[in-house]
C-alpha atoms as a PDB file:
ATOM      1  CA  MET A   1      -5.387 -52.220 -30.551  1.00  0.00           C
ATOM      2  CA  TYR A   2      -1.802 -51.229 -29.210  1.00  0.00           C
ATOM      3  CA  PHE A   3       1.462 -49.702 -30.977  1.00  0.00           C
ATOM      4  CA  ALA A   4       4.757 -49.515 -29.122  1.00  0.00           C
ATOM      5  CA  ALA A   5       8.107 -48.868 -30.955  1.00  0.00           C
ATOM      6  CA  LEU A   6      11.588 -48.223 -29.873  1.00  0.00           C
ATOM      7  CA  LEU A   7      13.535 -45.344 -29.572  1.00  0.00           C
ATOM      8  CA  ALA A   8      17.446 -45.466 -29.766  1.00  0.00           C
ATOM      9  CA  ARG A   9      19.181 -42.243 -29.616  1.00  0.00           C
ATOM     10  CA  THR A  10      22.531 -41.801 -31.580  1.00  0.00           C
ATOM     11  CA  GLU A  11      24.870 -39.346 -32.735  1.00  0.00           C
ATOM     12  CA  ASP A  12      23.112 -38.954 -35.523  1.00  0.00           C
ATOM     13  CA  GLY A  13      19.554 -38.439 -33.748  1.00  0.00           C
ATOM     14  CA  TRP A  14      16.787 -40.873 -33.315  1.00  0.00           C
ATOM     15  CA  GLU A  15      16.767 -44.387 -34.374  1.00  0.00           C
ATOM     16  CA  ALA A  16      12.559 -46.255 -34.057  1.00  0.00           C
ATOM     17  CA  SER A  17      11.497 -49.982 -34.629  1.00  0.00           C
ATOM     18  CA  ASP A  18       8.414 -51.262 -34.288  1.00  0.00           C
ATOM     19  CA  MET A  19       8.369 -53.814 -30.395  1.00  0.00           C
ATOM     20  CA  GLU A  20       6.611 -56.593 -30.945  1.00  0.00           C
ATOM     21  CA  LEU A  21       4.133 -56.942 -27.238  1.00  0.00           C
ATOM     22  CA  ASP A  22       3.626 -60.550 -27.741  1.00  0.00           C
ATOM     23  CA  ASP A  23       6.764 -62.359 -26.512  1.00  0.00           C
ATOM     24  CA  VAL A  24       6.804 -59.156 -23.575  1.00  0.00           C
ATOM     25  CA  GLU A  25       5.071 -60.401 -20.250  1.00  0.00           C
ATOM     26  CA  SER A  26       7.729 -58.115 -17.942  1.00  0.00           C
ATOM     27  CA  LEU A  27       8.982 -55.165 -17.370  1.00  0.00           C
ATOM     28  CA  THR A  28      12.274 -57.092 -17.611  1.00  0.00           C
ATOM     29  CA  ASP A  29      11.167 -58.167 -20.907  1.00  0.00           C
ATOM     30  CA  LEU A  30      11.127 -54.532 -22.325  1.00  0.00           C
ATOM     31  CA  THR A  31      14.194 -53.630 -20.901  1.00  0.00           C
ATOM     32  CA  ASP A  32      16.174 -56.440 -22.602  1.00  0.00           C
ATOM     33  CA  LEU A  33      14.703 -55.451 -26.092  1.00  0.00           C
ATOM     34  CA  ALA A  34      15.555 -52.097 -25.132  1.00  0.00           C
ATOM     35  CA  ARG A  35      19.125 -52.394 -24.410  1.00  0.00           C
ATOM     36  CA  ALA A  36      19.120 -55.008 -27.086  1.00  0.00           C
ATOM     37  CA  ALA A  37      17.936 -51.748 -29.746  1.00  0.00           C
ATOM     38  CA  ALA A  38      21.240 -49.323 -27.578  1.00  0.00           C
ATOM     39  CA  VAL A  39      23.441 -47.784 -29.871  1.00  0.00           C
ATOM     40  CA  ASP A  40      26.694 -47.646 -27.191  1.00  0.00           C
ATOM     41  CA  ASP A  41      24.591 -47.862 -24.799  1.00  0.00           C
ATOM     42  CA  ASP A  42      22.778 -44.801 -24.980  1.00  0.00           C
ATOM     43  CA  THR A  43      18.902 -43.663 -23.922  1.00  0.00           C
ATOM     44  CA  VAL A  44      16.308 -45.891 -25.281  1.00  0.00           C
ATOM     45  CA  VAL A  45      12.866 -44.146 -24.858  1.00  0.00           C
ATOM     46  CA  ALA A  46       9.891 -47.000 -24.732  1.00  0.00           C
ATOM     47  CA  LEU A  47       6.806 -45.834 -26.463  1.00  0.00           C
ATOM     48  CA  ILE A  48       3.600 -47.497 -25.970  1.00  0.00           C
ATOM     49  CA  GLU A  49      -0.024 -46.583 -26.498  1.00  0.00           C
ATOM     50  CA  GLN A  50      -3.249 -48.074 -26.564  1.00  0.00           C
ATOM     51  CA  GLU A  51      -6.527 -46.440 -28.230  1.00  0.00           C
ATOM     52  CA  ASP A  52      -5.451 -42.651 -27.466  1.00  0.00           C
ATOM     53  CA  ALA A  53      -7.101 -44.207 -24.205  1.00  0.00           C
ATOM     54  CA  TRP A  54      -3.327 -44.062 -22.369  1.00  0.00           C
ATOM     55  CA  PHE A  55       0.236 -44.198 -22.977  1.00  0.00           C
ATOM     56  CA  GLY A  56       3.424 -45.348 -21.424  1.00  0.00           C
ATOM     57  CA  VAL A  57       7.142 -44.010 -21.179  1.00  0.00           C
ATOM     58  CA  VAL A  58       9.776 -46.457 -20.224  1.00  0.00           C
ATOM     59  CA  ARG A  59      13.015 -44.848 -20.045  1.00  0.00           C
ATOM     60  CA  VAL A  60      16.498 -46.823 -20.285  1.00  0.00           C
ATOM     61  CA  ASP A  61      19.725 -45.684 -20.465  1.00  0.00           C
ATOM     62  CA  GLY A  62      22.393 -48.152 -20.380  1.00  0.00           C
ATOM     63  CA  GLU A  63      22.639 -50.433 -16.950  1.00  0.00           C
ATOM     64  CA  GLU A  64      20.239 -48.309 -14.945  1.00  0.00           C
ATOM     65  CA  ASP A  65      17.102 -49.139 -13.832  1.00  0.00           C
ATOM     66  CA  PRO A  66      14.233 -48.070 -15.854  1.00  0.00           C
ATOM     67  CA  ARG A  67      12.196 -44.695 -15.483  1.00  0.00           C
ATOM     68  CA  ILE A  68       8.576 -45.060 -16.023  1.00  0.00           C
ATOM     69  CA  PHE A  69       5.870 -43.047 -16.823  1.00  0.00           C
ATOM     70  CA  VAL A  70       2.198 -43.751 -17.611  1.00  0.00           C
ATOM     71  CA  SER A  71      -0.480 -41.319 -18.470  1.00  0.00           C
ATOM     72  CA  ASN A  72      -3.553 -42.695 -16.845  1.00  0.00           C
ATOM     73  CA  ALA A  73      -3.000 -45.842 -14.571  1.00  0.00           C
ATOM     74  CA  VAL A  74      -6.805 -46.726 -14.131  1.00  0.00           C
ATOM     75  CA  LEU A  75      -7.319 -47.538 -17.408  1.00  0.00           C
ATOM     76  CA  ALA A  76      -3.379 -48.252 -18.298  1.00  0.00           C
ATOM     77  CA  SER A  77      -4.315 -51.244 -15.084  1.00  0.00           C
ATOM     78  CA  ARG A  78      -7.206 -52.969 -17.115  1.00  0.00           C
ATOM     79  CA  SER A  79      -4.559 -53.087 -20.229  1.00  0.00           C
ATOM     80  CA  SER A  80      -1.911 -56.534 -19.772  1.00  0.00           C
ATOM     81  CA  TYR A  81       0.843 -54.240 -20.828  1.00  0.00           C
ATOM     82  CA  GLY A  82      -0.133 -51.162 -19.091  1.00  0.00           C
ATOM     83  CA  SER A  83      -0.953 -53.453 -15.739  1.00  0.00           C
ATOM     84  CA  MET A  84       2.254 -54.393 -16.372  1.00  0.00           C
ATOM     85  CA  LEU A  85       3.976 -50.977 -15.939  1.00  0.00           C
ATOM     86  CA  THR A  86       1.747 -49.728 -13.132  1.00  0.00           C
ATOM     87  CA  ASP A  87       2.357 -52.732 -10.969  1.00  0.00           C
ATOM     88  CA  GLU A  88       5.926 -52.187 -11.179  1.00  0.00           C
ATOM     89  CA  LEU A  89       5.334 -48.435 -10.330  1.00  0.00           C
ATOM     90  CA  LEU A  90       2.545 -49.794  -7.356  1.00  0.00           C
ATOM     91  CA  GLY A  91       5.986 -52.385  -5.903  1.00  0.00           C
ATOM     92  CA  SER A  92       2.992 -55.061  -7.075  1.00  0.00           C
ATOM     93  CA  ASP A  93       4.788 -58.264  -4.907  1.00  0.00           C
ATOM     94  CA  GLU A  94       4.770 -61.419  -7.395  1.00  0.00           C
ATOM     95  CA  GLU A  95       5.292 -63.770  -3.862  1.00  0.00           C
ATOM     96  CA  GLU A  96       1.530 -62.223  -3.201  1.00  0.00           C
ATOM     97  CA  ASP A  97       0.113 -62.949  -6.108  1.00  0.00           C
ATOM     98  CA  ASN A  98       1.823 -66.508  -6.009  1.00  0.00           C
ATOM     99  CA  GLU A  99       0.705 -67.372  -2.966  1.00  0.00           C
ATOM    100  CA  LEU A 100      -3.089 -67.760  -4.290  1.00  0.00           C
ATOM    101  CA  ASP A 101      -1.118 -70.945  -6.405  1.00  0.00           C
ATOM    102  CA  GLU A 102      -0.032 -72.563  -2.890  1.00  0.00           C
ATOM    103  CA  LEU A 103      -3.415 -72.388  -1.867  1.00  0.00           C
ATOM    104  CA  ASP A 104      -5.529 -76.249  -1.808  1.00  0.00           C
ATOM    105  CA  LEU A 105      -8.634 -76.271  -4.162  1.00  0.00           C
ATOM    106  CA  ASP A 106     -10.506 -76.152  -1.083  1.00  0.00           C
ATOM    107  CA  GLY A 107      -8.620 -72.516  -0.546  1.00  0.00           C
ATOM    108  CA  THR A 108      -6.872 -73.358   2.125  1.00  0.00           C
ATOM    109  CA  GLU A 109      -3.221 -73.805   2.646  1.00  0.00           C
ATOM    110  CA  ASP A 110      -1.725 -77.139   3.978  1.00  0.00           C
ATOM    111  CA  GLY A 111      -2.102 -76.870   7.728  1.00  0.00           C
ATOM    112  CA  GLU A 112      -4.515 -74.087   7.514  1.00  0.00           C
ATOM    113  CA  GLU A 113      -8.252 -74.603   9.150  1.00  0.00           C
ATOM    114  CA  ASP A 114     -10.163 -71.647   7.881  1.00  0.00           C
ATOM    115  CA  ALA A 115      -9.675 -69.459   4.579  1.00  0.00           C
ATOM    116  CA  ALA A 116     -12.316 -67.327   5.929  1.00  0.00           C
ATOM    117  CA  ALA A 117     -10.547 -66.768   9.331  1.00  0.00           C
ATOM    118  CA  ALA A 118      -6.951 -65.972   7.323  1.00  0.00           C
ATOM    119  CA  PHE A 119      -9.058 -63.562   5.768  1.00  0.00           C
ATOM    120  CA  ALA A 120     -10.718 -62.176   8.555  1.00  0.00           C
ATOM    121  CA  ASP A 121      -6.923 -61.536  10.086  1.00  0.00           C
ATOM    122  CA  ASP A 122      -6.404 -59.497   6.071  1.00  0.00           C
ATOM    123  CA  GLU A 123      -9.476 -57.007   6.955  1.00  0.00           C
ATOM    124  CA  ASP A 124      -7.947 -56.517  10.805  1.00  0.00           C
ATOM    125  CA  ASP A 125      -4.688 -55.331   9.515  1.00  0.00           C
ATOM    126  CA  ASP A 126      -5.388 -53.403   6.962  1.00  0.00           C
ATOM    127  CA  GLY A 127      -9.136 -52.274   6.659  1.00  0.00           C
ATOM    128  CA  GLY A 128     -10.178 -55.140   4.521  1.00  0.00           C
ATOM    129  CA  ASP A 129      -7.210 -54.230   1.778  1.00  0.00           C
ATOM    130  CA  SER A 130      -5.162 -57.451   1.423  1.00  0.00           C
ATOM    131  CA  GLY A 131      -2.009 -54.534   0.995  1.00  0.00           C
ATOM    132  CA  ALA A 132      -2.803 -54.183  -2.573  1.00  0.00           C
ATOM    133  CA  GLU A 133      -2.147 -50.462  -3.190  1.00  0.00           C
ATOM    134  CA  PRO A 134      -4.502 -48.577  -5.178  1.00  0.00           C
ATOM    135  CA  VAL A 135      -3.932 -47.388  -8.321  1.00  0.00           C
ATOM    136  CA  PRO A 136      -4.475 -43.562  -8.643  1.00  0.00           C
ATOM    137  CA  ALA A 137      -6.922 -41.734 -11.398  1.00  0.00           C
ATOM    138  CA  GLY A 138      -4.305 -39.847 -13.322  1.00  0.00           C
ATOM    139  CA  PRO A 139      -0.811 -39.753 -14.273  1.00  0.00           C
ATOM    140  CA  LEU A 140       1.666 -42.580 -12.499  1.00  0.00           C
ATOM    141  CA  GLY A 141       5.335 -42.924 -12.424  1.00  0.00           C
ATOM    142  CA  ASP A 142       8.153 -40.463 -13.193  1.00  0.00           C
ATOM    143  CA  PRO A 143       6.843 -36.854 -15.227  1.00  0.00           C
ATOM    144  CA  ARG A 144      10.008 -35.827 -15.646  1.00  0.00           C
ATOM    145  CA  LEU A 145      12.001 -38.767 -17.463  1.00  0.00           C
ATOM    146  CA  LEU A 146      12.674 -36.640 -20.418  1.00  0.00           C
ATOM    147  CA  ASP A 147      12.997 -33.585 -19.016  1.00  0.00           C
ATOM    148  CA  ASP A 148      17.019 -33.446 -20.334  1.00  0.00           C
ATOM    149  CA  LEU A 149      15.830 -34.637 -23.914  1.00  0.00           C
ATOM    150  CA  GLY A 150      13.287 -31.663 -24.848  1.00  0.00           C
ATOM    151  CA  VAL A 151      10.535 -32.679 -22.974  1.00  0.00           C
ATOM    152  CA  ASN A 152       9.362 -30.743 -19.789  1.00  0.00           C
ATOM    153  CA  HIS A 153       7.408 -32.818 -17.910  1.00  0.00           C
ATOM    154  CA  LYS A 154       5.073 -30.674 -17.914  1.00  0.00           C
ATOM    155  CA  LYS A 155       4.324 -30.611 -21.805  1.00  0.00           C
ATOM    156  CA  LEU A 156       4.345 -34.491 -20.763  1.00  0.00           C
ATOM    157  CA  LEU A 157       1.234 -34.548 -17.958  1.00  0.00           C
ATOM    158  CA  ALA A 158      -0.574 -32.471 -20.554  1.00  0.00           C
ATOM    159  CA  LEU A 159      -0.359 -34.380 -23.337  1.00  0.00           C
ATOM    160  CA  ASP A 160      -3.700 -35.976 -24.665  1.00  0.00           C
ATOM    161  CA  GLY A 161      -5.038 -37.770 -27.442  1.00  0.00           C
ATOM    162  CA  ASP A 162      -1.741 -39.067 -30.426  1.00  0.00           C
ATOM    163  CA  ALA A 163       0.769 -38.050 -27.425  1.00  0.00           C
ATOM    164  CA  LEU A 164       3.283 -40.241 -29.359  1.00  0.00           C
ATOM    165  CA  SER A 165       3.539 -37.896 -32.663  1.00  0.00           C
ATOM    166  CA  GLU A 166       3.941 -34.943 -29.727  1.00  0.00           C
ATOM    167  CA  LEU A 167       6.678 -36.415 -28.193  1.00  0.00           C
ATOM    168  CA  ALA A 168       8.197 -37.717 -30.790  1.00  0.00           C
ATOM    169  CA  ASP A 169       7.765 -34.493 -32.306  1.00  0.00           C
ATOM    170  CA  ALA A 170       9.945 -33.043 -29.025  1.00  0.00           C
ATOM    171  CA  LEU A 171      12.269 -35.524 -28.962  1.00  0.00           C
ATOM    172  CA  GLY A 172      12.744 -34.843 -33.229  1.00  0.00           C
ATOM    173  CA  ALA A 173      11.649 -38.019 -33.770  1.00  0.00           C
ATOM    174  CA  THR A 174       8.645 -37.056 -36.165  1.00  0.00           C
ATOM    175  CA  GLU A 175      10.147 -38.788 -39.575  1.00  0.00           C
ATOM    176  CA  VAL A 176      11.319 -41.825 -37.885  1.00  0.00           C
ATOM    177  CA  LEU A 177       8.838 -43.320 -35.572  1.00  0.00           C
ATOM    178  CA  GLU A 178       5.915 -42.776 -38.522  1.00  0.00           C
ATOM    179  CA  ALA A 179       8.359 -44.581 -40.733  1.00  0.00           C
ATOM    180  CA  VAL A 180       7.519 -47.248 -38.354  1.00  0.00           C
ATOM    181  CA  ARG A 181       3.615 -46.633 -37.434  1.00  0.00           C
END
């Protein structure tokens, strides 16, 4: 079970809204939701948590690229929304994923004689890995993404359990977050 919320910074503090993840299929979708919730292109923080197993923070400031932090990359990579974040952080290339779609039913591309030979070539190039970067154990991303908002990177890295409540408390947004929980 996931919990997700958007915290939009305003002149008067934070506004919170729950985030419907059903329509979020990519980081771009998540970023678009955050920008839509922004007040005057100010900071929006998207918080995602899966049953105290892992949490993710995505910070969007106006039109800048989003900044991402995931508390436990291995656990997050095993879930649909977490893998969306870890794939972005690890630089997963959608073109590589789409190569599988271009294979014929027998596993070969048009004009390719043997899929096993292609696999052997991949092994020679990088020791058996097809180029995917392994998911590291532990945190992944930018732990300093909330430093200027009162959440020191050391505190972010040490969060455990009900991390989103602790984050909201540090940001001064406990009441608004609890209202959407």
